[in-house]
Protein backbone atom coordinates (compact mmCIF):
# COMPACT_ATOMS: atom_id res chain seq x y z
CA MET A 1 -110.01 191.34 146.04
CA ALA A 2 -108.90 193.28 142.79
CA MET A 3 -109.90 196.31 144.00
CA LYS A 4 -107.81 195.62 147.21
CA ARG A 5 -104.64 194.35 145.26
CA GLU A 6 -105.08 197.90 143.38
CA ALA A 7 -104.90 200.09 146.37
CA ILE A 8 -101.98 198.10 148.02
CA LEU A 9 -100.03 198.07 144.29
CA PHE A 10 -100.83 202.00 143.87
CA GLY A 11 -100.29 202.89 147.48
CA GLY A 12 -97.02 201.18 147.46
CA LEU A 13 -96.08 202.97 144.29
CA SER A 14 -96.86 206.40 146.07
CA VAL A 15 -94.68 205.74 148.42
CA LEU A 16 -91.54 204.62 145.99
CA LEU A 17 -92.30 207.87 144.21
CA ALA A 18 -92.57 209.94 147.37
CA LEU A 19 -88.92 208.70 148.09
CA MET A 20 -87.87 209.58 144.94
CA PHE A 21 -89.00 213.17 145.09
CA THR A 22 -87.20 213.55 148.99
CA GLN A 23 -83.93 211.78 147.72
CA MET A 24 -83.66 212.76 144.08
CA GLY A 25 -85.08 216.23 143.89
CA THR A 26 -88.30 217.53 142.71
CA ALA A 27 -87.03 218.74 138.91
CA PHE A 28 -85.52 215.33 138.62
CA SER A 29 -88.79 213.45 139.59
CA LEU A 30 -90.88 215.55 137.77
CA ARG A 31 -88.90 214.26 134.80
CA MET A 32 -89.22 211.10 135.07
CA LEU A 33 -93.41 211.35 135.89
CA ILE A 34 -93.59 212.88 132.71
CA GLU A 35 -91.43 210.11 130.58
CA SER A 36 -93.97 207.61 132.59
CA ALA A 37 -96.94 209.39 131.45
CA CYS A 38 -95.56 209.22 128.02
CA PHE A 39 -94.67 205.73 128.35
CA ALA A 40 -98.30 204.83 129.82
CA MET A 41 -100.03 206.36 126.52
CA ILE A 42 -97.48 203.99 124.64
CA ALA A 43 -98.28 200.97 126.64
CA LEU A 44 -102.01 201.55 126.30
CA GLY A 45 -101.40 201.41 122.72
CA LEU A 46 -99.73 198.17 123.09
CA THR A 47 -102.36 196.52 125.23
CA ILE A 48 -105.33 197.04 123.39
CA GLN A 49 -103.12 195.60 120.50
CA TRP A 50 -101.86 192.67 122.38
CA GLY A 51 -104.47 192.14 125.33
CA TYR A 52 -107.46 192.96 123.18
CA ALA A 53 -106.58 191.21 120.12
CA GLY A 54 -103.86 189.23 120.39
CA LEU A 55 -101.19 190.86 118.07
CA PHE A 56 -97.72 190.98 118.63
CA ASN A 57 -96.21 193.99 117.83
CA ALA A 58 -92.67 193.75 117.65
CA GLY A 59 -91.64 197.40 116.35
CA ILE A 60 -93.43 200.04 118.59
CA MET A 61 -89.79 201.69 118.38
CA GLY A 62 -90.85 202.66 114.80
CA PHE A 63 -94.33 203.84 115.56
CA ILE A 64 -92.60 206.34 118.53
CA ALA A 65 -90.33 207.62 116.06
CA VAL A 66 -92.85 208.41 113.22
CA GLY A 67 -94.83 210.10 115.91
CA GLY A 68 -91.93 211.95 117.25
CA PHE A 69 -90.37 213.11 114.14
CA PHE A 70 -93.83 214.23 112.36
CA SER A 71 -94.56 216.51 115.57
CA VAL A 72 -91.14 217.90 115.03
CA LEU A 73 -91.94 218.40 111.16
CA ILE A 74 -95.52 220.48 112.42
CA SER A 75 -94.00 222.15 115.08
CA PHE A 76 -90.44 223.53 115.05
CA PRO A 77 -89.98 227.13 113.62
CA VAL A 78 -90.03 227.70 110.11
CA ASN A 79 -86.52 227.38 108.42
CA ASP A 80 -86.23 230.80 106.35
CA LYS A 81 -83.34 229.38 104.46
CA PHE A 82 -84.94 226.56 102.92
CA TRP A 83 -87.77 228.62 102.52
CA SER A 84 -85.86 231.10 100.25
CA SER A 85 -83.99 228.76 98.29
CA SER A 86 -84.98 226.63 95.23
CA ALA A 87 -85.30 223.79 97.09
CA PRO A 88 -89.14 223.67 97.87
CA ALA A 89 -89.68 223.77 94.08
CA GLY A 90 -88.11 220.51 93.90
CA LEU A 91 -89.38 218.85 96.37
CA ALA A 92 -92.74 219.82 94.80
CA MET A 93 -91.34 217.86 91.60
CA ILE A 94 -90.15 215.09 93.66
CA ALA A 95 -93.77 214.43 94.96
CA LEU A 96 -95.20 214.87 91.71
CA TYR A 97 -92.81 211.83 90.70
CA ILE A 98 -93.98 210.00 93.64
CA ILE A 99 -97.74 210.19 92.65
CA ILE A 100 -96.83 209.47 88.96
CA GLY A 101 -95.02 206.55 90.15
CA VAL A 102 -97.65 205.29 92.30
CA ALA A 103 -100.45 206.09 89.42
CA LEU A 104 -98.35 204.04 87.18
CA THR A 105 -97.37 200.91 89.51
CA TRP A 106 -101.22 200.56 90.56
CA THR A 107 -102.04 200.69 86.70
CA ALA A 108 -99.47 197.90 86.18
CA SER A 109 -101.33 195.94 89.36
CA GLN A 110 -104.33 196.08 87.40
CA LEU A 111 -103.51 195.00 83.96
CA HIS A 112 -105.24 191.50 84.48
CA ARG A 113 -108.14 193.50 83.81
CA ALA A 114 -107.28 194.22 80.64
CA GLY A 115 -106.88 190.31 79.65
CA LEU A 116 -103.29 190.07 80.95
CA SER A 117 -102.78 186.76 83.53
CA ARG A 118 -102.23 187.78 87.29
CA LYS A 119 -98.47 186.47 87.29
CA LEU A 120 -97.46 189.13 84.67
CA SER A 121 -99.57 191.65 86.33
CA LYS A 122 -97.98 191.21 89.29
CA VAL A 123 -94.45 191.02 87.70
CA ALA A 124 -95.11 194.31 85.98
CA ALA A 125 -96.39 196.00 88.73
CA ILE A 126 -93.18 195.50 90.94
CA SER A 127 -90.87 196.17 87.73
CA VAL A 128 -92.54 199.31 87.21
CA GLY A 129 -92.27 199.85 91.06
CA ILE A 130 -88.61 199.40 91.19
CA ILE A 131 -87.84 201.65 88.28
CA SER A 132 -90.30 204.42 89.54
CA TYR A 133 -88.35 204.15 92.86
CA LEU A 134 -84.45 204.49 91.39
CA ALA A 135 -85.78 207.19 89.31
CA ILE A 136 -87.12 209.15 92.25
CA VAL A 137 -84.21 208.31 94.29
CA SER A 138 -81.86 209.95 91.52
CA SER A 139 -83.91 213.07 91.53
CA LEU A 140 -83.75 213.61 95.46
CA GLN A 141 -80.25 213.35 95.96
CA PRO A 142 -79.42 216.50 94.11
CA VAL A 143 -82.22 218.50 95.81
CA ALA A 144 -81.11 216.84 99.10
CA ASP A 145 -77.56 218.08 98.41
CA GLN A 146 -79.03 221.74 98.06
CA ILE A 147 -80.85 221.54 101.01
CA GLU A 148 -78.18 220.36 103.30
CA ALA A 149 -75.67 223.12 101.76
CA GLN A 150 -77.93 225.92 101.86
CA ALA A 151 -80.34 225.71 104.76
CA GLY A 152 -79.17 222.79 106.82
CA PHE A 153 -82.45 220.87 106.94
CA ILE A 154 -86.12 221.66 105.76
CA GLY A 155 -86.92 222.93 109.41
CA GLY A 156 -90.67 222.53 110.27
CA PHE A 157 -94.02 224.64 109.64
CA GLY A 158 -94.30 226.37 112.87
CA LEU A 159 -97.72 225.46 113.84
CA PRO A 160 -98.94 224.61 117.60
CA VAL A 161 -97.56 221.65 119.01
CA ILE A 162 -100.69 219.41 119.94
CA ILE A 163 -101.39 219.76 116.14
CA GLY A 164 -98.01 217.91 115.77
CA TRP A 165 -98.67 215.36 118.35
CA LEU A 166 -102.10 214.61 116.50
CA VAL A 167 -100.37 214.57 112.96
CA GLY A 168 -97.86 211.91 114.49
CA GLY A 169 -100.30 209.80 115.99
CA ILE A 170 -102.10 209.67 112.19
CA ALA A 171 -99.01 209.39 110.63
CA ALA A 172 -98.23 206.18 112.80
CA GLY A 173 -101.58 204.73 112.12
CA VAL A 174 -101.38 205.48 108.41
CA ILE A 175 -97.84 203.29 108.51
CA ALA A 176 -99.82 200.35 110.78
CA TYR A 177 -102.94 200.54 108.01
CA TYR A 178 -100.35 199.32 105.33
CA VAL A 179 -98.26 196.99 107.77
CA GLY A 180 -101.69 195.18 108.90
CA HIS A 181 -103.30 195.21 105.49
CA ILE A 182 -100.35 193.22 104.34
CA CYS A 183 -99.80 191.14 107.33
CA LEU A 184 -102.80 190.49 109.29
CA GLY A 185 -104.07 187.99 107.15
CA LEU A 186 -101.09 185.61 107.81
CA ARG A 187 -99.77 184.24 111.05
CA SER A 188 -98.89 186.38 114.11
CA ASP A 189 -95.27 185.94 113.91
CA TYR A 190 -95.24 187.57 110.09
CA LEU A 191 -96.60 190.60 112.13
CA ALA A 192 -93.78 190.67 114.53
CA ILE A 193 -91.37 190.12 111.65
CA ALA A 194 -92.97 192.70 109.77
CA THR A 195 -93.21 195.50 112.72
CA LEU A 196 -89.59 194.75 113.39
CA GLY A 197 -88.02 195.10 109.92
CA ILE A 198 -90.55 198.46 109.52
CA ALA A 199 -89.51 199.63 112.54
CA GLU A 200 -85.26 199.50 112.03
CA ILE A 201 -85.91 200.79 108.42
CA ILE A 202 -87.85 203.96 109.58
CA LYS A 203 -85.08 204.53 112.10
CA ALA A 204 -82.36 204.05 109.35
CA VAL A 205 -84.27 206.47 107.17
CA LEU A 206 -84.80 208.90 110.05
CA LYS A 207 -81.25 208.63 110.48
CA ASN A 208 -79.64 209.05 107.15
CA ALA A 209 -82.10 211.73 105.84
CA ASP A 210 -80.15 214.77 106.67
CA TRP A 211 -82.04 217.08 104.58
CA LEU A 212 -85.46 216.23 106.47
CA THR A 213 -84.35 215.02 109.96
CA ASN A 214 -80.99 216.82 110.47
CA GLY A 215 -79.53 213.45 110.85
CA THR A 216 -77.17 212.66 114.00
CA LEU A 217 -76.85 216.76 114.52
CA THR A 218 -80.26 216.51 115.76
CA ILE A 219 -83.12 219.07 116.15
CA SER A 220 -83.27 221.22 119.36
CA PRO A 221 -84.61 223.12 121.12
CA LEU A 222 -88.13 221.97 120.54
CA PRO A 223 -91.01 223.99 121.20
CA TRP A 224 -93.27 222.87 124.50
CA PRO A 225 -97.39 223.25 123.87
CA VAL A 226 -96.76 224.70 127.66
CA PRO A 227 -94.75 227.46 129.09
CA THR A 228 -91.06 226.40 128.61
CA PRO A 229 -88.27 226.33 131.66
CA ASN A 230 -86.93 229.99 130.43
CA GLU A 231 -90.53 231.34 130.67
CA ILE A 232 -91.86 230.07 133.81
CA GLY A 233 -89.27 228.59 135.82
CA PHE A 234 -87.76 224.72 135.25
CA ILE A 235 -90.30 223.28 137.78
CA ALA A 236 -93.29 225.33 136.86
CA ALA A 237 -92.81 224.27 133.49
CA ARG A 238 -92.53 220.55 134.04
CA GLY A 239 -95.39 220.55 136.84
CA ALA A 240 -97.25 221.97 133.65
CA TYR A 241 -95.87 219.39 131.05
CA LEU A 242 -97.14 216.61 133.81
CA ALA A 243 -100.41 218.12 134.21
CA LEU A 244 -100.99 218.09 130.50
CA THR A 245 -99.97 214.61 129.97
CA VAL A 246 -101.77 213.16 132.87
CA ILE A 247 -105.10 214.36 131.57
CA MET A 248 -104.37 212.74 128.08
CA VAL A 249 -103.55 209.47 130.00
CA VAL A 250 -107.06 209.99 131.79
CA VAL A 251 -108.97 210.65 128.80
CA ILE A 252 -107.54 207.71 126.69
CA TYR A 253 -108.02 205.34 129.65
CA PHE A 254 -111.53 206.65 129.83
CA LEU A 255 -112.06 206.31 126.23
CA LEU A 256 -110.55 202.73 126.16
CA GLN A 257 -112.51 201.64 129.59
CA ARG A 258 -115.67 202.56 127.85
CA ALA A 259 -114.65 200.83 124.58
CA TYR A 260 -113.53 197.55 126.35
CA ASN A 261 -116.67 197.23 128.12
CA ALA A 262 -118.82 197.91 125.20
CA PRO A 263 -119.97 195.39 122.29
CA TRP A 264 -116.94 196.12 120.28
CA GLY A 265 -114.79 195.31 123.17
CA ARG A 266 -116.42 192.08 123.80
CA MET A 267 -116.21 191.50 119.99
CA MET A 268 -112.53 192.09 119.96
CA ARG A 269 -111.74 189.85 123.20
CA ALA A 270 -113.93 187.26 121.32
CA ILE A 271 -111.38 187.33 118.17
CA ARG A 272 -108.79 186.91 120.39
CA ASP A 273 -109.99 183.77 122.26
CA ASN A 274 -111.48 181.62 119.19
CA GLU A 275 -110.86 182.93 116.29
CA VAL A 276 -112.56 180.58 114.33
CA SER A 277 -115.72 180.78 116.23
CA SER A 278 -116.38 184.30 115.69
CA ALA A 279 -115.51 184.28 111.92
CA ALA A 280 -118.55 181.42 111.95
CA MET A 281 -120.40 184.00 113.76
CA GLY A 282 -120.16 186.61 110.76
CA LYS A 283 -117.11 188.64 112.16
CA ASP A 284 -114.65 190.19 109.48
CA VAL A 285 -111.73 189.03 111.82
CA LYS A 286 -109.14 190.69 109.35
CA ARG A 287 -110.65 193.95 109.63
CA ARG A 288 -111.03 194.04 113.29
CA ARG A 289 -107.40 193.56 114.10
CA LEU A 290 -106.69 195.67 111.37
CA GLU A 291 -108.93 198.67 113.35
CA ILE A 292 -107.50 197.96 116.48
CA PHE A 293 -103.55 197.51 115.26
CA ILE A 294 -104.02 201.31 113.73
CA LEU A 295 -105.94 202.28 117.35
CA GLY A 296 -103.03 201.16 119.24
CA SER A 297 -100.55 202.32 117.00
CA ILE A 298 -101.83 205.63 116.83
CA LEU A 299 -101.80 206.12 120.47
CA MET A 300 -98.11 204.99 120.25
CA GLY A 301 -97.09 207.72 118.08
CA ILE A 302 -98.95 210.15 120.35
CA GLY A 303 -97.30 209.09 123.18
CA GLY A 304 -94.19 209.14 121.03
CA ALA A 305 -94.47 212.53 119.90
CA ALA A 306 -94.63 213.59 123.64
CA LEU A 307 -91.90 211.70 124.66
CA VAL A 308 -89.83 213.47 122.14
CA THR A 309 -90.96 216.99 122.81
CA SER A 310 -90.66 216.45 126.48
CA ALA A 311 -86.90 216.11 125.80
CA ARG A 312 -86.58 218.92 123.54
CA ILE A 313 -84.25 217.54 121.00
CA PHE A 314 -84.98 215.28 118.44
CA ASP A 315 -82.01 212.17 117.67
CA PRO A 316 -82.94 209.59 115.33
CA SER A 317 -79.92 208.05 116.64
CA GLY A 318 -81.68 207.84 120.27
CA PHE A 319 -84.53 205.34 119.48
CA LEU A 320 -83.35 202.02 120.50
CA PRO A 321 -85.04 198.67 120.65
CA LEU A 322 -84.17 198.06 124.16
CA HIS A 323 -85.70 201.16 125.41
CA HIS A 324 -88.57 201.98 123.04
CA THR A 325 -89.63 198.05 122.43
CA PHE A 326 -88.87 195.57 124.75
CA LEU A 327 -88.90 198.07 127.88
CA ILE A 328 -92.80 198.71 126.65
CA TRP A 329 -93.45 195.12 126.67
CA VAL A 330 -92.39 194.59 130.32
CA MET A 331 -94.51 197.56 131.05
CA VAL A 332 -97.63 195.77 129.85
CA ILE A 333 -96.73 192.34 130.70
CA LEU A 334 -95.87 193.31 134.43
CA GLY A 335 -98.94 195.72 134.92
CA GLY A 336 -101.13 192.89 133.47
CA SER A 337 -101.85 192.47 129.31
CA GLY A 338 -105.49 193.44 128.76
CA ASN A 339 -105.80 195.79 131.75
CA ASN A 340 -105.91 199.50 131.10
CA LEU A 341 -105.06 200.58 134.56
CA GLY A 342 -102.40 197.85 134.77
CA ALA A 343 -100.54 199.08 131.87
CA ILE A 344 -100.53 202.57 133.58
CA PHE A 345 -99.19 201.15 136.55
CA GLY A 346 -96.76 198.73 134.88
CA ALA A 347 -95.56 201.93 132.85
CA ILE A 348 -94.99 204.17 136.11
CA PHE A 349 -93.53 201.26 138.07
CA VAL A 350 -91.26 200.16 135.40
CA TYR A 351 -89.68 202.90 134.05
CA LEU A 352 -89.07 203.77 138.17
CA ILE A 353 -87.36 201.13 138.21
CA TRP A 354 -85.37 201.82 135.06
CA ILE A 355 -84.50 205.02 135.86
CA VAL A 356 -83.58 204.38 139.91
CA SER A 357 -81.81 201.22 139.01
CA GLU A 358 -78.69 202.99 138.05
CA PRO A 359 -78.15 205.23 141.30
CA ALA A 360 -79.14 202.97 143.43
CA THR A 361 -76.79 200.30 141.96
CA LEU A 362 -73.87 202.98 142.04
CA VAL A 363 -74.56 203.59 145.55
CA LEU A 364 -74.28 200.01 146.30
CA PHE A 365 -71.34 199.25 144.67
CA GLN A 366 -69.35 202.17 146.29
CA ALA A 367 -70.44 200.63 149.39
CA MET A 368 -69.18 197.23 148.40
CA GLN A 369 -66.20 198.81 147.00
CA THR A 370 -65.49 200.66 150.52
CA TYR A 371 -66.68 198.04 153.09
CA GLY A 372 -64.75 195.17 150.90
CA HIS A 373 -61.69 197.13 151.36
CA ASP A 374 -61.71 197.72 155.02
CA TRP A 375 -62.78 194.60 155.78
CA PHE A 376 -61.77 191.90 153.69
CA ASP A 377 -58.92 193.95 151.40
CA TRP A 378 -60.97 193.30 148.49
CA GLN A 379 -59.57 195.02 145.57
CA ALA A 380 -62.45 196.28 143.57
CA PRO A 381 -62.30 195.85 139.40
CA ALA A 382 -61.08 199.35 138.21
CA ASP A 383 -64.28 199.26 135.74
CA LEU A 384 -67.02 198.43 138.94
CA MET A 385 -68.59 201.81 138.88
CA SER A 386 -69.17 201.28 134.93
CA ARG A 387 -71.11 198.51 135.43
CA ALA A 388 -73.82 200.42 137.17
CA LEU A 389 -75.38 201.34 134.10
CA GLN A 390 -75.57 198.02 132.81
CA MET A 391 -77.54 196.67 136.03
CA ARG A 392 -80.58 198.21 135.41
CA VAL A 393 -80.85 195.73 132.51
CA PHE A 394 -80.38 192.94 135.01
CA VAL A 395 -82.58 194.56 137.70
CA ILE A 396 -85.69 194.78 134.96
CA GLY A 397 -84.88 191.05 133.57
CA LEU A 398 -85.02 190.15 137.24
CA THR A 399 -88.28 191.64 137.48
CA ILE A 400 -89.88 190.52 135.07
CA THR A 401 -88.82 187.02 135.36
CA LEU A 402 -90.31 187.32 139.17
CA VAL A 403 -93.40 188.56 138.01
CA LEU A 404 -93.76 185.87 135.53
CA ARG A 405 -92.78 182.99 138.22
CA TYR A 406 -95.68 184.35 140.93
CA ALA A 407 -97.94 186.76 138.99
CA PRO A 408 -98.06 185.44 135.25
CA LYS A 409 -101.04 187.05 134.25
CA GLY A 410 -99.66 190.39 135.70
CA LEU A 411 -99.82 192.58 139.04
CA ILE A 412 -103.09 193.82 138.06
CA PRO A 413 -104.73 191.04 135.47
CA GLU A 414 -107.41 191.36 133.25
CA LYS A 415 -110.79 191.02 134.92
CA ILE A 416 -112.76 188.47 132.97
CA ALA A 417 -116.41 189.38 132.79
CA ARG A 418 -119.34 186.89 133.11
CA HIS A 419 -122.36 187.25 131.49
């Protein structure tokens, strides 16, 4: 029965994609599929966090942004103006100050071993940390002003794009380690609050650090891991990019399926379903949750890096909670949390609705305006056409409402194994 449902759903999705190719054109459809594949990687990262371990991550946007930024930092061409100035030496000194500040803060946190009370040790560590932060910020500002005046921003390292994607995933995993290490021992709502706050902090930093990210001036054109449209043509380049992302999705899906059916996957689902019993069986619940939180965030970072690269522009202000957090949750919930195939289906189907709903609504509104005037002498509002963009949110909301009503476990729910 489950195989029949999957065949029907993917068959219907194939028909919708074929219609999109005929109505919207090959170039547009290939771009949509590339972005869908990137979102599928991100959705797989979320489905193992939420579906495997029950971790509520409300800061997906932050991990996508981190992955995209580090991919740009690694793969964007070298900025010779920056390296020929004295700014690199200034940044090296800032890095040394950071190392010294971290060392002093850690030393202050260990003063209880020398006989100081733990409360005073914590106060000392916080005080040293604040003083170090203020000193570093004051030292960084002149260097940042120099970089912006002489070079614009620091540029990149000119390394292969694939290396940038991997570094982006690792960077997202490092941030997930520190967030999870602090919050995973608390209730799940603390994790949601922490990840939501971290995502906004990351966006604010990337948006305002002009010397690092070029800020709202954006960075473009970004290099591709495959030949660009200028080299082999528009459709061929997008087809090659799509092939690469599809291969990545297939590999990730295969590995996650192996992990899901392995003892590790059964242990994670046991922790999700009954944390107390799992702890009584000797499982380190916090450590295992931290593992899967980091793994999911790495996939989000890689997917975010591929998504940013596909657009060939890095714009920190372009990361939006609606698009890069809420939409991912809709994909996972609609497809079926805990089911890797459902996450892939949900990513493609939801993003197809998100992309097509605006032009479809525009056609509908034009028909309403024309026939309403001809048949009923109805005068349409002046801003009727501008409302088409807003309708995509309504359509997504209606879709997820219908799915939650008639398929609360998703269109392709998790297959519960019986042992």
